[in-house]
Amino acid sequence: MKFKLDENLPVDAVKIFQEAGYNAVSILDQSLQGCSDKTLISVCKNENRILVTLDIDFANLLTYPPQEYAGIIMLRLKKIR
């Protein structure tokens, strides 16, 4: 599996994926920070990568139909007090 981690995730997250044996890159690795969601998902689609993000916009199934992409993983993390 190939993953692309969004800029809203810690840089160290890429290392965690790589150490687990996955092909993972950050959008920072490709100088895509600040790009539009449309550009980001297009790059992921062209590279056949699963997008891992905190961006809730990618949860919209009408805008991002699952059958069109390798995958979109939208994480919702709990705040630790």
C-alpha atoms as a PDB file:
ATOM      1  CA  MET A   1       0.000   0.000   0.000  1.00  0.00           C
ATOM      2  CA  LYS A   2       1.091   3.529  -0.761  1.00  0.00           C
ATOM      3  CA  PHE A   3       0.149   6.454   1.453  1.00  0.00           C
ATOM      4  CA  LYS A   4       0.394  10.237   1.213  1.00  0.00           C
ATOM      5  CA  LEU A   5       0.144  12.090   4.525  1.00  0.00           C
ATOM      6  CA  ASP A   6      -1.377  15.530   4.571  1.00  0.00           C
ATOM      7  CA  GLU A   7       0.482  18.521   5.973  1.00  0.00           C
ATOM      8  CA  ASN A   8      -1.904  18.610   8.954  1.00  0.00           C
ATOM      9  CA  LEU A   9      -0.278  15.462  10.370  1.00  0.00           C
ATOM     10  CA  PRO A  10       3.027  15.448  12.260  1.00  0.00           C
ATOM     11  CA  VAL A  11       6.125  14.984  10.100  1.00  0.00           C
ATOM     12  CA  ASP A  12       7.070  11.968  12.257  1.00  0.00           C
ATOM     13  CA  ALA A  13       3.898  10.172  11.134  1.00  0.00           C
ATOM     14  CA  VAL A  14       5.557   9.349   7.806  1.00  0.00           C
ATOM     15  CA  LYS A  15       8.331   7.529   9.670  1.00  0.00           C
ATOM     16  CA  ILE A  16       5.764   5.457  11.560  1.00  0.00           C
ATOM     17  CA  PHE A  17       4.187   4.305   8.295  1.00  0.00           C
ATOM     18  CA  GLN A  18       7.589   3.612   6.727  1.00  0.00           C
ATOM     19  CA  GLU A  19       8.829   1.656   9.739  1.00  0.00           C
ATOM     20  CA  ALA A  20       5.679  -0.464   9.487  1.00  0.00           C
ATOM     21  CA  GLY A  21       6.765  -1.352   5.943  1.00  0.00           C
ATOM     22  CA  TYR A  22       4.522   0.982   3.947  1.00  0.00           C
ATOM     23  CA  ASN A  23       5.478   3.257   1.081  1.00  0.00           C
ATOM     24  CA  ALA A  24       4.601   6.619   2.626  1.00  0.00           C
ATOM     25  CA  VAL A  25       5.376  10.210   1.749  1.00  0.00           C
ATOM     26  CA  SER A  26       4.222  13.539   3.070  1.00  0.00           C
ATOM     27  CA  ILE A  27       2.893  16.296   0.871  1.00  0.00           C
ATOM     28  CA  LEU A  28       5.770  18.283   2.352  1.00  0.00           C
ATOM     29  CA  ASP A  29       8.158  15.846   0.612  1.00  0.00           C
ATOM     30  CA  GLN A  30       6.732  16.952  -2.728  1.00  0.00           C
ATOM     31  CA  SER A  31       6.399  20.662  -1.883  1.00  0.00           C
ATOM     32  CA  LEU A  32       2.599  20.461  -2.129  1.00  0.00           C
ATOM     33  CA  GLN A  33       1.905  22.305   1.131  1.00  0.00           C
ATOM     34  CA  GLY A  34      -0.883  24.812   0.761  1.00  0.00           C
ATOM     35  CA  CYS A  35      -2.212  23.263  -2.448  1.00  0.00           C
ATOM     36  CA  SER A  36      -5.947  22.979  -2.987  1.00  0.00           C
ATOM     37  CA  ASP A  37      -7.860  19.853  -1.958  1.00  0.00           C
ATOM     38  CA  LYS A  38      -8.586  19.264  -5.646  1.00  0.00           C
ATOM     39  CA  THR A  39      -4.879  19.303  -6.505  1.00  0.00           C
ATOM     40  CA  LEU A  40      -3.973  17.088  -3.560  1.00  0.00           C
ATOM     41  CA  ILE A  41      -6.550  14.406  -4.321  1.00  0.00           C
ATOM     42  CA  SER A  42      -5.601  14.511  -8.001  1.00  0.00           C
ATOM     43  CA  VAL A  43      -1.936  13.865  -7.157  1.00  0.00           C
ATOM     44  CA  CYS A  44      -2.956  11.016  -4.831  1.00  0.00           C
ATOM     45  CA  LYS A  45      -5.115   9.520  -7.577  1.00  0.00           C
ATOM     46  CA  ASN A  46      -2.338   9.767 -10.181  1.00  0.00           C
ATOM     47  CA  GLU A  47       0.154   8.138  -7.777  1.00  0.00           C
ATOM     48  CA  ASN A  48      -2.391   5.530  -6.628  1.00  0.00           C
ATOM     49  CA  ARG A  49      -1.828   6.621  -3.008  1.00  0.00           C
ATOM     50  CA  ILE A  50      -4.190   6.559  -0.069  1.00  0.00           C
ATOM     51  CA  LEU A  51      -4.588  10.024   1.428  1.00  0.00           C
ATOM     52  CA  VAL A  52      -4.310  10.233   5.224  1.00  0.00           C
ATOM     53  CA  THR A  53      -5.614  13.539   6.560  1.00  0.00           C
ATOM     54  CA  LEU A  54      -7.341  15.397   9.370  1.00  0.00           C
ATOM     55  CA  ASP A  55      -9.224  17.549   6.838  1.00  0.00           C
ATOM     56  CA  ILE A  56     -12.950  16.906   7.291  1.00  0.00           C
ATOM     57  CA  ASP A  57     -13.658  18.167   3.751  1.00  0.00           C
ATOM     58  CA  PHE A  58     -12.461  14.795   2.425  1.00  0.00           C
ATOM     59  CA  ALA A  59     -15.312  13.040   4.275  1.00  0.00           C
ATOM     60  CA  ASN A  60     -17.816  14.299   1.689  1.00  0.00           C
ATOM     61  CA  LEU A  61     -18.684  11.185  -0.320  1.00  0.00           C
ATOM     62  CA  LEU A  62     -20.412  13.208  -3.022  1.00  0.00           C
ATOM     63  CA  THR A  63     -17.298  15.262  -3.680  1.00  0.00           C
ATOM     64  CA  TYR A  64     -14.860  12.372  -3.183  1.00  0.00           C
ATOM     65  CA  PRO A  65     -16.618   9.115  -4.217  1.00  0.00           C
ATOM     66  CA  PRO A  66     -14.642   6.201  -2.688  1.00  0.00           C
ATOM     67  CA  GLN A  67     -14.635   4.169  -5.892  1.00  0.00           C
ATOM     68  CA  GLU A  68     -12.596   6.863  -7.646  1.00  0.00           C
ATOM     69  CA  TYR A  69      -9.597   6.810  -5.291  1.00  0.00           C
ATOM     70  CA  ALA A  70      -7.121   4.343  -3.796  1.00  0.00           C
ATOM     71  CA  GLY A  71      -8.514   5.488  -0.471  1.00  0.00           C
ATOM     72  CA  ILE A  72      -9.046   8.405   1.844  1.00  0.00           C
ATOM     73  CA  ILE A  73      -8.454   7.994   5.552  1.00  0.00           C
ATOM     74  CA  MET A  74      -9.763  10.922   7.537  1.00  0.00           C
ATOM     75  CA  LEU A  75      -8.589  10.765  11.131  1.00  0.00           C
ATOM     76  CA  ARG A  76     -10.509  12.273  14.016  1.00  0.00           C
ATOM     77  CA  LEU A  77      -8.204  12.504  17.020  1.00  0.00           C
ATOM     78  CA  LYS A  78      -9.268  13.052  20.606  1.00  0.00           C
ATOM     79  CA  LYS A  79      -7.866  16.007  22.450  1.00  0.00           C
ATOM     80  CA  ILE A  80      -5.851  14.991  25.484  1.00  0.00           C
ATOM     81  CA  ARG A  81      -6.411  17.203  28.481  1.00  0.00           C
END
